[in-house]
Amino acid sequence: MSRNVNLDDEAVTALEAHRRGNESFSTVVKRLAAPPIRTFGDLERFLEEFEGPLFSDLEALKRIRERKAKKLTAQ
C-alpha cells in the first residue's frame, strides 16, 4: 500500500541529502525514522541496527562546544 505525502522543500532537501544512490524516499524514511521504543530491549535493537546519523550537523555541534568552552575559560 502506498500513500501520498506532502513535504515542504526543506524536508525534500533533507531526504535527498540522506539518499544513497537511487534509493526511494520510502527507503530513506524507513532507514532514518526511529521505530517506537517502549522497552530497553527495543532500545538495544534500535542501537544495534541504527545506520542513520545521530547528529546530522557535527560542525554545528563543534561550534557550540567551542563557544561553551570559551565562556567557561572567560569566567
PDB file of N, CA and C in Angstrom:
ATOM      1  N   MET A   1       0.840  -1.174   0.000  1.00  0.00           N
ATOM      2  CA  MET A   1       0.000   0.000   0.000  1.00  0.00           C
ATOM      3  C   MET A   1       0.887   1.240   0.000  1.00  0.00           C
ATOM      4  N   SER A   2       0.521   2.214  -0.749  1.00  0.00           N
ATOM      5  CA  SER A   2       1.270   3.467  -0.757  1.00  0.00           C
ATOM      6  C   SER A   2       0.305   4.626  -0.528  1.00  0.00           C
ATOM      7  N   ARG A   3       0.874   5.745  -0.079  1.00  0.00           N
ATOM      8  CA  ARG A   3       0.086   6.951   0.189  1.00  0.00           C
ATOM      9  C   ARG A   3       0.852   8.160  -0.306  1.00  0.00           C
ATOM     10  N   ASN A   4       0.127   9.178  -0.635  1.00  0.00           N
ATOM     11  CA  ASN A   4       0.752  10.446  -0.994  1.00  0.00           C
ATOM     12  C   ASN A   4       1.010  11.244   0.274  1.00  0.00           C
ATOM     13  N   VAL A   5       2.182  11.852   0.342  1.00  0.00           N
ATOM     14  CA  VAL A   5       2.550  12.671   1.492  1.00  0.00           C
ATOM     15  C   VAL A   5       3.074  13.992   0.959  1.00  0.00           C
ATOM     16  N   ASN A   6       2.618  15.083   1.538  1.00  0.00           N
ATOM     17  CA  ASN A   6       3.104  16.401   1.135  1.00  0.00           C
ATOM     18  C   ASN A   6       4.278  16.802   2.008  1.00  0.00           C
ATOM     19  N   LEU A   7       5.382  17.163   1.375  1.00  0.00           N
ATOM     20  CA  LEU A   7       6.574  17.619   2.088  1.00  0.00           C
ATOM     21  C   LEU A   7       6.954  18.992   1.571  1.00  0.00           C
ATOM     22  N   ASP A   8       7.408  19.856   2.471  1.00  0.00           N
ATOM     23  CA  ASP A   8       7.883  21.160   2.006  1.00  0.00           C
ATOM     24  C   ASP A   8       9.280  20.993   1.410  1.00  0.00           C
ATOM     25  N   ASP A   9       9.768  22.038   0.781  1.00  0.00           N
ATOM     26  CA  ASP A   9      11.061  21.969   0.089  1.00  0.00           C
ATOM     27  C   ASP A   9      12.205  21.610   1.033  1.00  0.00           C
ATOM     28  N   GLU A  10      12.171  22.121   2.245  1.00  0.00           N
ATOM     29  CA  GLU A  10      13.232  21.840   3.215  1.00  0.00           C
ATOM     30  C   GLU A  10      13.271  20.349   3.570  1.00  0.00           C
ATOM     31  N   ALA A  11      12.094  19.738   3.740  1.00  0.00           N
ATOM     32  CA  ALA A  11      12.027  18.308   4.064  1.00  0.00           C
ATOM     33  C   ALA A  11      12.532  17.469   2.896  1.00  0.00           C
ATOM     34  N   VAL A  12      12.167  17.841   1.673  1.00  0.00           N
ATOM     35  CA  VAL A  12      12.630  17.112   0.491  1.00  0.00           C
ATOM     36  C   VAL A  12      14.147  17.219   0.370  1.00  0.00           C
ATOM     37  N   THR A  13      14.694  18.402   0.599  1.00  0.00           N
ATOM     38  CA  THR A  13      16.140  18.605   0.536  1.00  0.00           C
ATOM     39  C   THR A  13      16.847  17.744   1.576  1.00  0.00           C
ATOM     40  N   ALA A  14      16.276  17.662   2.785  1.00  0.00           N
ATOM     41  CA  ALA A  14      16.865  16.834   3.837  1.00  0.00           C
ATOM     42  C   ALA A  14      16.858  15.363   3.442  1.00  0.00           C
ATOM     43  N   LEU A  15      15.751  14.892   2.888  1.00  0.00           N
ATOM     44  CA  LEU A  15      15.683  13.495   2.443  1.00  0.00           C
ATOM     45  C   LEU A  15      16.681  13.224   1.329  1.00  0.00           C
ATOM     46  N   GLU A  16      16.760  14.147   0.382  1.00  0.00           N
ATOM     47  CA  GLU A  16      17.700  13.970  -0.737  1.00  0.00           C
ATOM     48  C   GLU A  16      19.142  13.915  -0.241  1.00  0.00           C
ATOM     49  N   ALA A  17      19.455  14.672   0.798  1.00  0.00           N
ATOM     50  CA  ALA A  17      20.820  14.686   1.334  1.00  0.00           C
ATOM     51  C   ALA A  17      21.205  13.339   1.944  1.00  0.00           C
ATOM     52  N   HIS A  18      20.226  12.582   2.407  1.00  0.00           N
ATOM     53  CA  HIS A  18      20.490  11.285   3.030  1.00  0.00           C
ATOM     54  C   HIS A  18      20.270  10.116   2.085  1.00  0.00           C
ATOM     55  N   ARG A  19      19.878  10.412   0.876  1.00  0.00           N
ATOM     56  CA  ARG A  19      19.617   9.378  -0.119  1.00  0.00           C
ATOM     57  C   ARG A  19      20.915   8.714  -0.557  1.00  0.00           C
ATOM     58  N   ARG A  20      20.873   7.402  -0.728  1.00  0.00           N
ATOM     59  CA  ARG A  20      22.030   6.643  -1.199  1.00  0.00           C
ATOM     60  C   ARG A  20      21.715   6.107  -2.590  1.00  0.00           C
ATOM     61  N   GLY A  21      22.423   6.631  -3.581  1.00  0.00           N
ATOM     62  CA  GLY A  21      22.202   6.166  -4.955  1.00  0.00           C
ATOM     63  C   GLY A  21      20.787   6.431  -5.422  1.00  0.00           C
ATOM     64  N   ASN A  22      20.136   5.408  -5.919  1.00  0.00           N
ATOM     65  CA  ASN A  22      18.762   5.535  -6.424  1.00  0.00           C
ATOM     66  C   ASN A  22      17.731   5.131  -5.381  1.00  0.00           C
ATOM     67  N   GLU A  23      18.084   5.234  -4.126  1.00  0.00           N
ATOM     68  CA  GLU A  23      17.201   4.855  -3.029  1.00  0.00           C
ATOM     69  C   GLU A  23      15.910   5.670  -3.085  1.00  0.00           C
ATOM     70  N   SER A  24      14.781   5.024  -2.832  1.00  0.00           N
ATOM     71  CA  SER A  24      13.497   5.730  -2.815  1.00  0.00           C
ATOM     72  C   SER A  24      13.369   6.535  -1.524  1.00  0.00           C
ATOM     73  N   PHE A  25      12.482   7.533  -1.553  1.00  0.00           N
ATOM     74  CA  PHE A  25      12.236   8.308  -0.340  1.00  0.00           C
ATOM     75  C   PHE A  25      11.688   7.406   0.761  1.00  0.00           C
ATOM     76  N   SER A  26      10.864   6.433   0.404  1.00  0.00           N
ATOM     77  CA  SER A  26      10.328   5.497   1.402  1.00  0.00           C
ATOM     78  C   SER A  26      11.455   4.765   2.111  1.00  0.00           C
ATOM     79  N   THR A  27      12.443   4.312   1.359  1.00  0.00           N
ATOM     80  CA  THR A  27      13.569   3.596   1.951  1.00  0.00           C
ATOM     81  C   THR A  27      14.371   4.517   2.858  1.00  0.00           C
ATOM     82  N   VAL A  28      14.573   5.762   2.438  1.00  0.00           N
ATOM     83  CA  VAL A  28      15.316   6.728   3.260  1.00  0.00           C
ATOM     84  C   VAL A  28      14.577   6.966   4.577  1.00  0.00           C
ATOM     85  N   VAL A  29      13.271   7.183   4.501  1.00  0.00           N
ATOM     86  CA  VAL A  29      12.484   7.442   5.709  1.00  0.00           C
ATOM     87  C   VAL A  29      12.540   6.246   6.641  1.00  0.00           C
ATOM     88  N   LYS A  30      12.375   5.031   6.115  1.00  0.00           N
ATOM     89  CA  LYS A  30      12.412   3.835   6.962  1.00  0.00           C
ATOM     90  C   LYS A  30      13.788   3.640   7.590  1.00  0.00           C
ATOM     91  N   ARG A  31      14.841   4.012   6.871  1.00  0.00           N
ATOM     92  CA  ARG A  31      16.192   3.876   7.408  1.00  0.00           C
ATOM     93  C   ARG A  31      16.452   4.900   8.508  1.00  0.00           C
ATOM     94  N   LEU A  32      15.931   6.106   8.353  1.00  0.00           N
ATOM     95  CA  LEU A  32      16.231   7.185   9.295  1.00  0.00           C
ATOM     96  C   LEU A  32      15.223   7.337  10.430  1.00  0.00           C
ATOM     97  N   ALA A  33      13.979   6.952  10.207  1.00  0.00           N
ATOM     98  CA  ALA A  33      12.944   7.139  11.234  1.00  0.00           C
ATOM     99  C   ALA A  33      13.070   6.081  12.315  1.00  0.00           C
ATOM    100  N   ALA A  34      13.103   6.526  13.539  1.00  0.00           N
ATOM    101  CA  ALA A  34      13.244   5.595  14.658  1.00  0.00           C
ATOM    102  C   ALA A  34      11.946   4.827  14.870  1.00  0.00           C
ATOM    103  N   PRO A  35      12.050   3.515  15.107  1.00  0.00           N
ATOM    104  CA  PRO A  35      10.850   2.742  15.443  1.00  0.00           C
ATOM    105  C   PRO A  35      10.420   3.100  16.864  1.00  0.00           C
ATOM    106  N   PRO A  36       9.182   2.784  17.236  1.00  0.00           N
ATOM    107  CA  PRO A  36       8.757   3.060  18.618  1.00  0.00           C
ATOM    108  C   PRO A  36       9.654   2.315  19.604  1.00  0.00           C
ATOM    109  N   ILE A  37      10.139   3.027  20.596  1.00  0.00           N
ATOM    110  CA  ILE A  37      10.996   2.424  21.615  1.00  0.00           C
ATOM    111  C   ILE A  37      10.228   2.450  22.923  1.00  0.00           C
ATOM    112  N   ARG A  38       9.792   1.249  23.353  1.00  0.00           N
ATOM    113  CA  ARG A  38       8.974   1.148  24.554  1.00  0.00           C
ATOM    114  C   ARG A  38       9.689   0.422  25.689  1.00  0.00           C
ATOM    115  N   THR A  39      10.707  -0.353  25.335  1.00  0.00           N
ATOM    116  CA  THR A  39      11.424  -1.136  26.345  1.00  0.00           C
ATOM    117  C   THR A  39      12.923  -0.977  26.122  1.00  0.00           C
ATOM    118  N   PHE A  40      13.715  -1.425  27.101  1.00  0.00           N
ATOM    119  CA  PHE A  40      15.166  -1.390  26.925  1.00  0.00           C
ATOM    120  C   PHE A  40      15.590  -2.334  25.806  1.00  0.00           C
ATOM    121  N   GLY A  41      14.863  -3.430  25.620  1.00  0.00           N
ATOM    122  CA  GLY A  41      15.146  -4.348  24.519  1.00  0.00           C
ATOM    123  C   GLY A  41      14.945  -3.673  23.175  1.00  0.00           C
ATOM    124  N   ASP A  42      13.850  -2.870  23.057  1.00  0.00           N
ATOM    125  CA  ASP A  42      13.615  -2.099  21.832  1.00  0.00           C
ATOM    126  C   ASP A  42      14.772  -1.143  21.572  1.00  0.00           C
ATOM    127  N   LEU A  43      15.230  -0.470  22.630  1.00  0.00           N
ATOM    128  CA  LEU A  43      16.340   0.476  22.501  1.00  0.00           C
ATOM    129  C   LEU A  43      17.612  -0.237  22.071  1.00  0.00           C
ATOM    130  N   GLU A  44      17.879  -1.382  22.664  1.00  0.00           N
ATOM    131  CA  GLU A  44      19.073  -2.143  22.317  1.00  0.00           C
ATOM    132  C   GLU A  44      19.048  -2.570  20.845  1.00  0.00           C
ATOM    133  N   ARG A  45      17.910  -3.092  20.396  1.00  0.00           N
ATOM    134  CA  ARG A  45      17.786  -3.488  18.978  1.00  0.00           C
ATOM    135  C   ARG A  45      17.945  -2.290  18.052  1.00  0.00           C
ATOM    136  N   PHE A  46      17.342  -1.166  18.441  1.00  0.00           N
ATOM    137  CA  PHE A  46      17.445   0.038  17.618  1.00  0.00           C
ATOM    138  C   PHE A  46      18.902   0.473  17.467  1.00  0.00           C
ATOM    139  N   LEU A  47      19.637   0.519  18.569  1.00  0.00           N
ATOM    140  CA  LEU A  47      21.026   0.972  18.513  1.00  0.00           C
ATOM    141  C   LEU A  47      21.917  -0.008  17.754  1.00  0.00           C
ATOM    142  N   GLU A  48      21.623  -1.300  17.831  1.00  0.00           N
ATOM    143  CA  GLU A  48      22.403  -2.294  17.087  1.00  0.00           C
ATOM    144  C   GLU A  48      22.199  -2.166  15.582  1.00  0.00           C
ATOM    145  N   GLU A  49      20.979  -1.788  15.162  1.00  0.00           N
ATOM    146  CA  GLU A  49      20.653  -1.732  13.739  1.00  0.00           C
ATOM    147  C   GLU A  49      20.745  -0.329  13.150  1.00  0.00           C
ATOM    148  N   PHE A  50      21.018   0.658  13.985  1.00  0.00           N
ATOM    149  CA  PHE A  50      20.976   2.055  13.546  1.00  0.00           C
ATOM    150  C   PHE A  50      22.028   2.339  12.490  1.00  0.00           C
ATOM    151  N   GLU A  51      21.587   2.928  11.369  1.00  0.00           N
ATOM    152  CA  GLU A  51      22.505   3.276  10.284  1.00  0.00           C
ATOM    153  C   GLU A  51      22.567   4.769  10.019  1.00  0.00           C
ATOM    154  N   GLY A  52      21.558   5.499  10.435  1.00  0.00           N
ATOM    155  CA  GLY A  52      21.483   6.918  10.122  1.00  0.00           C
ATOM    156  C   GLY A  52      22.334   7.754  11.054  1.00  0.00           C
ATOM    157  N   PRO A  53      22.398   9.040  10.800  1.00  0.00           N
ATOM    158  CA  PRO A  53      23.203   9.933  11.645  1.00  0.00           C
ATOM    159  C   PRO A  53      22.492  10.244  12.960  1.00  0.00           C
ATOM    160  N   LEU A  54      23.226  10.152  14.057  1.00  0.00           N
ATOM    161  CA  LEU A  54      22.657  10.591  15.324  1.00  0.00           C
ATOM    162  C   LEU A  54      22.617  12.108  15.372  1.00  0.00           C
ATOM    163  N   PHE A  55      23.645  12.731  14.842  1.00  0.00           N
ATOM    164  CA  PHE A  55      23.711  14.177  14.741  1.00  0.00           C
ATOM    165  C   PHE A  55      24.031  14.504  13.295  1.00  0.00           C
ATOM    166  N   SER A  56      23.136  15.193  12.636  1.00  0.00           N
ATOM    167  CA  SER A  56      23.356  15.440  11.221  1.00  0.00           C
ATOM    168  C   SER A  56      24.296  16.616  10.957  1.00  0.00           C
ATOM    169  N   ASP A  57      24.501  17.474  11.938  1.00  0.00           N
ATOM    170  CA  ASP A  57      25.352  18.639  11.715  1.00  0.00           C
ATOM    171  C   ASP A  57      26.457  18.679  12.768  1.00  0.00           C
ATOM    172  N   LEU A  58      27.471  17.875  12.566  1.00  0.00           N
ATOM    173  CA  LEU A  58      28.565  17.799  13.537  1.00  0.00           C
ATOM    174  C   LEU A  58      29.331  19.106  13.641  1.00  0.00           C
ATOM    175  N   GLU A  59      29.434  19.846  12.551  1.00  0.00           N
ATOM    176  CA  GLU A  59      30.138  21.138  12.591  1.00  0.00           C
ATOM    177  C   GLU A  59      29.415  22.110  13.517  1.00  0.00           C
ATOM    178  N   ALA A  60      28.106  22.114  13.487  1.00  0.00           N
ATOM    179  CA  ALA A  60      27.340  22.986  14.385  1.00  0.00           C
ATOM    180  C   ALA A  60      27.569  22.579  15.833  1.00  0.00           C
ATOM    181  N   LEU A  61      27.606  21.282  16.098  1.00  0.00           N
ATOM    182  CA  LEU A  61      27.874  20.822  17.458  1.00  0.00           C
ATOM    183  C   LEU A  61      29.267  21.231  17.919  1.00  0.00           C
ATOM    184  N   LYS A  62      30.251  21.176  17.026  1.00  0.00           N
ATOM    185  CA  LYS A  62      31.616  21.595  17.379  1.00  0.00           C
ATOM    186  C   LYS A  62      31.651  23.084  17.716  1.00  0.00           C
ATOM    187  N   ARG A  63      30.937  23.906  16.923  1.00  0.00           N
ATOM    188  CA  ARG A  63      30.907  25.347  17.183  1.00  0.00           C
ATOM    189  C   ARG A  63      30.261  25.637  18.544  1.00  0.00           C
ATOM    190  N   ILE A  64      29.197  24.925  18.856  1.00  0.00           N
ATOM    191  CA  ILE A  64      28.528  25.107  20.148  1.00  0.00           C
ATOM    192  C   ILE A  64      29.467  24.734  21.280  1.00  0.00           C
ATOM    193  N   ARG A  65      30.164  23.620  21.134  1.00  0.00           N
ATOM    194  CA  ARG A  65      31.111  23.166  22.165  1.00  0.00           C
ATOM    195  C   ARG A  65      32.222  24.196  22.356  1.00  0.00           C
ATOM    196  N   GLU A  66      32.738  24.743  21.247  1.00  0.00           N
ATOM    197  CA  GLU A  66      33.802  25.752  21.336  1.00  0.00           C
ATOM    198  C   GLU A  66      33.319  27.012  22.046  1.00  0.00           C
ATOM    199  N   ARG A  67      32.093  27.462  21.732  1.00  0.00           N
ATOM    200  CA  ARG A  67      31.543  28.651  22.396  1.00  0.00           C
ATOM    201  C   ARG A  67      31.396  28.415  23.890  1.00  0.00           C
ATOM    202  N   LYS A  68      30.914  27.229  24.269  1.00  0.00           N
ATOM    203  CA  LYS A  68      30.758  26.926  25.704  1.00  0.00           C
ATOM    204  C   LYS A  68      32.122  26.901  26.383  1.00  0.00           C
ATOM    205  N   ALA A  69      33.119  26.322  25.723  1.00  0.00           N
ATOM    206  CA  ALA A  69      34.454  26.245  26.307  1.00  0.00           C
ATOM    207  C   ALA A  69      35.032  27.657  26.499  1.00  0.00           C
ATOM    208  N   LYS A  70      34.810  28.546  25.528  1.00  0.00           N
ATOM    209  CA  LYS A  70      35.295  29.936  25.659  1.00  0.00           C
ATOM    210  C   LYS A  70      34.629  30.648  26.818  1.00  0.00           C
ATOM    211  N   LYS A  71      33.320  30.431  26.988  1.00  0.00           N
ATOM    212  CA  LYS A  71      32.604  31.068  28.087  1.00  0.00           C
ATOM    213  C   LYS A  71      33.137  30.582  29.423  1.00  0.00           C
ATOM    214  N   LEU A  72      33.424  29.281  29.522  1.00  0.00           N
ATOM    215  CA  LEU A  72      33.922  28.736  30.777  1.00  0.00           C
ATOM    216  C   LEU A  72      35.311  29.280  31.109  1.00  0.00           C
ATOM    217  N   THR A  73      36.168  29.425  30.101  1.00  0.00           N
ATOM    218  CA  THR A  73      37.524  29.930  30.363  1.00  0.00           C
ATOM    219  C   THR A  73      37.509  31.433  30.650  1.00  0.00           C
ATOM    220  N   ALA A  74      36.511  32.149  30.164  1.00  0.00           N
ATOM    221  CA  ALA A  74      36.428  33.590  30.393  1.00  0.00           C
ATOM    222  C   ALA A  74      35.918  33.899  31.803  1.00  0.00           C
ATOM    223  N   GLN A  75      35.322  32.958  32.461  1.00  0.00           N
ATOM    224  CA  GLN A  75      34.733  33.208  33.784  1.00  0.00           C
ATOM    225  C   GLN A  75      35.753  33.154  34.867  1.00  0.00           C
TER     226      GLN A  75
END
